[in-house]
Amino acid sequence: MSEPRVTLYTRTGCHLCDAAREVVVKVCEDLGESWVEIDIDADSDLADRFGEEVPATFVDGRQHDYWRVDEGRLRAALG
């Protein structure tokens, strides 16, 4: 299996992360793409890197969005 195309960086208790997860799940399921979620609080380097700019989404290893995930924009990036 190939690497997930979408990476979603989150933290526990983040309501924006919950909303972003819903969009990522929907889009990836619709398009047959894989994704992975990483909790930044489990890694101090990631926590330092992202700070309060979560959720952050990456597509194909490049930062795509932070705070909010726009469904249409994510679909376009994966298209």
Protein backbone atom coordinates (compact mmCIF):
# COMPACT_ATOMS: atom_id res chain seq x y z
CA MET A 1 0.00 0.00 0.00
CA SER A 2 1.25 3.49 -0.83
CA GLU A 3 1.78 6.37 1.54
CA PRO A 4 -1.36 8.28 2.56
CA ARG A 5 -1.82 11.37 0.38
CA VAL A 6 -3.40 13.39 3.18
CA THR A 7 -1.93 13.99 6.62
CA LEU A 8 -4.07 15.69 9.24
CA TYR A 9 -2.22 17.14 12.24
CA THR A 10 -4.51 17.54 15.26
CA ARG A 11 -4.62 17.73 19.03
CA THR A 12 -7.07 16.38 21.59
CA GLY A 13 -9.93 18.68 22.55
CA CYS A 14 -9.69 20.77 19.39
CA HIS A 15 -13.16 21.45 17.93
CA LEU A 16 -11.67 22.68 14.65
CA CYS A 17 -9.77 19.39 14.43
CA ASP A 18 -13.04 17.48 14.81
CA ALA A 19 -14.60 19.48 11.97
CA ALA A 20 -11.53 19.07 9.76
CA ARG A 21 -11.50 15.31 10.36
CA GLU A 22 -15.08 15.06 9.11
CA VAL A 23 -14.16 16.84 5.86
CA VAL A 24 -10.99 14.78 5.34
CA VAL A 25 -12.83 11.50 5.96
CA LYS A 26 -15.64 12.44 3.56
CA VAL A 27 -13.37 13.61 0.74
CA CYS A 28 -10.89 10.75 1.07
CA GLU A 29 -13.66 8.14 1.15
CA ASP A 30 -15.35 9.71 -1.89
CA LEU A 31 -12.09 9.79 -3.86
CA GLY A 32 -10.64 6.50 -2.60
CA GLU A 33 -7.62 8.23 -1.08
CA SER A 34 -5.83 7.24 2.10
CA TRP A 35 -5.11 9.60 4.98
CA VAL A 36 -3.45 9.58 8.37
CA GLU A 37 -4.02 11.61 11.52
CA ILE A 38 -1.16 12.65 13.79
CA ASP A 39 -1.63 14.07 17.30
CA ILE A 40 0.94 16.86 17.65
CA ASP A 41 0.82 16.67 21.44
CA ALA A 42 2.45 13.23 21.25
CA ASP A 43 5.60 14.78 19.74
CA SER A 44 7.17 17.90 21.24
CA ASP A 45 8.81 18.86 17.92
CA LEU A 46 5.44 18.80 16.16
CA ALA A 47 3.82 20.70 19.02
CA ASP A 48 6.53 23.37 18.68
CA ARG A 49 6.22 23.45 14.90
CA PHE A 50 2.44 23.79 14.70
CA GLY A 51 1.63 25.48 18.01
CA GLU A 52 -1.96 26.66 17.76
CA GLU A 53 -2.12 26.30 13.96
CA VAL A 54 -4.07 23.06 14.07
CA PRO A 55 -5.69 21.37 12.46
CA ALA A 56 -3.15 21.43 9.65
CA THR A 57 -3.58 19.40 6.50
CA PHE A 58 -0.85 18.30 4.15
CA VAL A 59 -1.44 16.84 0.70
CA ASP A 60 1.37 14.84 -0.87
CA GLY A 61 3.77 16.13 1.80
CA ARG A 62 3.04 19.83 1.26
CA GLN A 63 1.04 22.03 3.61
CA HIS A 64 -2.43 22.59 2.24
CA ASP A 65 -4.47 24.32 4.97
CA TYR A 66 -4.61 25.10 8.65
CA TRP A 67 -7.48 25.85 11.04
CA ARG A 68 -10.18 25.06 8.48
CA VAL A 69 -10.38 22.50 5.69
CA ASP A 70 -12.36 23.59 2.66
CA GLU A 71 -13.95 20.54 1.02
CA GLY A 72 -13.78 21.89 -2.53
CA ARG A 73 -10.18 22.97 -2.18
CA LEU A 74 -9.18 19.58 -0.77
CA ARG A 75 -10.99 17.78 -3.60
CA ALA A 76 -9.19 19.94 -6.15
CA ALA A 77 -5.81 19.26 -4.57
CA LEU A 78 -6.44 15.52 -4.72
CA GLY A 79 -7.86 15.60 -8.27
